[in-house]
Amino acid sequence: MKTPPAILPKNLKILKDLGEHLQLARLRRKLSAEQIAERTGLGRKTIYNIEQGSPTVAIGSYLQVLFVLGLEKDLTMVAAADPLGRKLQDAGILINKRAPKQTKKP
């Protein structure tokens, strides 16, 4: 059995906030967790885990909930602006895909 990767506390907080936002979006739409489960094809426990920000739930399940809530386009905005990447690109800094080969010293 594989052990899950370690999740940093900062990242757990991000997931927890995402779960809370999804729960609030569901409640604003006056939908029950059971209705979301039926519309997504996910189990009620999975919906609960998503709303708790569980890192063990697949991103596809999060996307299904976003879709049912009409918020799936929000996910396409992730890294769309990328100000740091643009600055690096504009500065002409190249990032190699691999580390340079090491030469042997005589």
Protein backbone atom coordinates (compact mmCIF):
# COMPACT_ATOMS: atom_id res chain seq x y z
CA MET A 1 0.00 0.00 0.00
CA LYS A 2 1.39 3.40 -1.01
CA THR A 3 1.78 6.07 1.61
CA PRO A 4 0.30 9.42 0.64
CA PRO A 5 2.72 12.30 0.09
CA ALA A 6 3.27 14.66 3.00
CA ILE A 7 1.09 17.75 2.70
CA LEU A 8 2.45 20.97 4.16
CA PRO A 9 0.26 22.68 6.77
CA LYS A 10 -0.02 25.74 4.52
CA ASN A 11 -1.39 23.57 1.71
CA LEU A 12 -3.80 21.80 4.07
CA LYS A 13 -5.14 25.26 4.99
CA ILE A 14 -5.67 26.06 1.30
CA LEU A 15 -7.64 22.83 0.84
CA LYS A 16 -9.66 23.51 3.99
CA ASP A 17 -10.52 27.00 2.69
CA LEU A 18 -11.51 25.54 -0.68
CA GLY A 19 -13.78 23.03 1.04
CA GLU A 20 -15.41 25.79 3.08
CA HIS A 21 -15.94 27.88 -0.06
CA LEU A 22 -17.58 24.95 -1.81
CA GLN A 23 -19.82 24.31 1.17
CA LEU A 24 -20.88 27.97 1.30
CA ALA A 25 -21.55 27.94 -2.46
CA ARG A 26 -23.74 24.85 -2.00
CA LEU A 27 -25.65 26.44 0.87
CA ARG A 28 -26.18 29.70 -1.06
CA ARG A 29 -27.80 27.61 -3.79
CA LYS A 30 -29.95 25.87 -1.16
CA LEU A 31 -28.68 22.45 -2.18
CA SER A 32 -28.23 19.60 0.27
CA ALA A 33 -25.07 17.54 0.33
CA GLU A 34 -27.23 14.60 -0.74
CA GLN A 35 -28.35 16.51 -3.86
CA ILE A 36 -24.75 17.31 -4.72
CA ALA A 37 -23.84 13.65 -4.25
CA GLU A 38 -26.63 12.56 -6.60
CA ARG A 39 -25.75 15.15 -9.26
CA THR A 40 -22.04 14.39 -9.20
CA GLY A 41 -22.34 10.62 -8.90
CA LEU A 42 -20.13 10.75 -5.81
CA GLY A 43 -20.90 9.34 -2.40
CA ARG A 44 -22.21 11.48 0.43
CA LYS A 45 -19.00 10.76 2.39
CA THR A 46 -16.90 12.06 -0.52
CA ILE A 47 -18.90 15.29 -0.57
CA TYR A 48 -18.31 15.62 3.17
CA ASN A 49 -14.57 15.03 2.65
CA ILE A 50 -14.45 17.64 -0.12
CA GLU A 51 -16.16 20.19 2.10
CA GLN A 52 -13.61 19.37 4.82
CA GLY A 53 -10.78 19.95 2.34
CA SER A 54 -9.47 16.42 2.40
CA PRO A 55 -6.23 15.98 0.43
CA THR A 56 -7.09 12.33 -0.28
CA VAL A 57 -10.03 13.16 -2.56
CA ALA A 58 -9.14 13.14 -6.26
CA ILE A 59 -9.06 16.50 -8.01
CA GLY A 60 -11.61 15.14 -10.49
CA SER A 61 -14.11 14.84 -7.65
CA TYR A 62 -13.49 18.44 -6.65
CA LEU A 63 -14.06 19.38 -10.31
CA GLN A 64 -17.38 17.47 -10.39
CA VAL A 65 -18.62 19.51 -7.41
CA LEU A 66 -17.43 22.74 -9.01
CA PHE A 67 -19.32 21.78 -12.18
CA VAL A 68 -22.59 21.06 -10.36
CA LEU A 69 -22.27 24.42 -8.60
CA GLY A 70 -21.56 26.16 -11.91
CA LEU A 71 -18.07 27.16 -10.81
CA GLU A 72 -15.90 24.92 -13.00
CA LYS A 73 -14.55 27.89 -14.97
CA ASP A 74 -12.88 29.10 -11.75
CA LEU A 75 -10.48 26.17 -12.01
CA THR A 76 -9.30 27.32 -15.44
CA MET A 77 -8.13 30.57 -13.85
CA VAL A 78 -5.50 28.79 -11.75
CA ALA A 79 -2.05 29.89 -12.98
CA ALA A 80 -3.61 31.82 -15.88
CA ALA A 81 -1.96 35.12 -14.98
CA ASP A 82 1.35 33.70 -13.62
CA PRO A 83 3.10 37.04 -12.95
CA LEU A 84 6.37 35.42 -11.77
CA GLY A 85 6.56 33.17 -14.83
CA ARG A 86 5.94 36.15 -17.11
CA LYS A 87 8.68 38.18 -15.41
CA LEU A 88 11.12 35.29 -15.79
CA GLN A 89 10.14 34.93 -19.43
CA ASP A 90 10.52 38.65 -20.07
CA ALA A 91 13.90 38.68 -18.36
CA GLY A 92 15.07 35.99 -20.74
CA ILE A 93 15.91 33.55 -18.00
CA LEU A 94 15.86 30.07 -19.40
CA ILE A 95 15.01 27.17 -17.18
CA ASN A 96 16.53 23.91 -18.34
CA LYS A 97 14.38 20.84 -18.25
CA ARG A 98 17.34 18.88 -16.94
CA ALA A 99 20.37 19.73 -14.91
CA PRO A 100 23.52 20.23 -17.00
CA LYS A 101 25.77 17.24 -17.45
CA GLN A 102 28.64 17.07 -15.05
CA THR A 103 32.08 16.84 -16.55
CA LYS A 104 34.56 14.43 -15.10
CA LYS A 105 37.62 16.03 -13.56
CA PRO A 106 40.99 14.43 -14.45
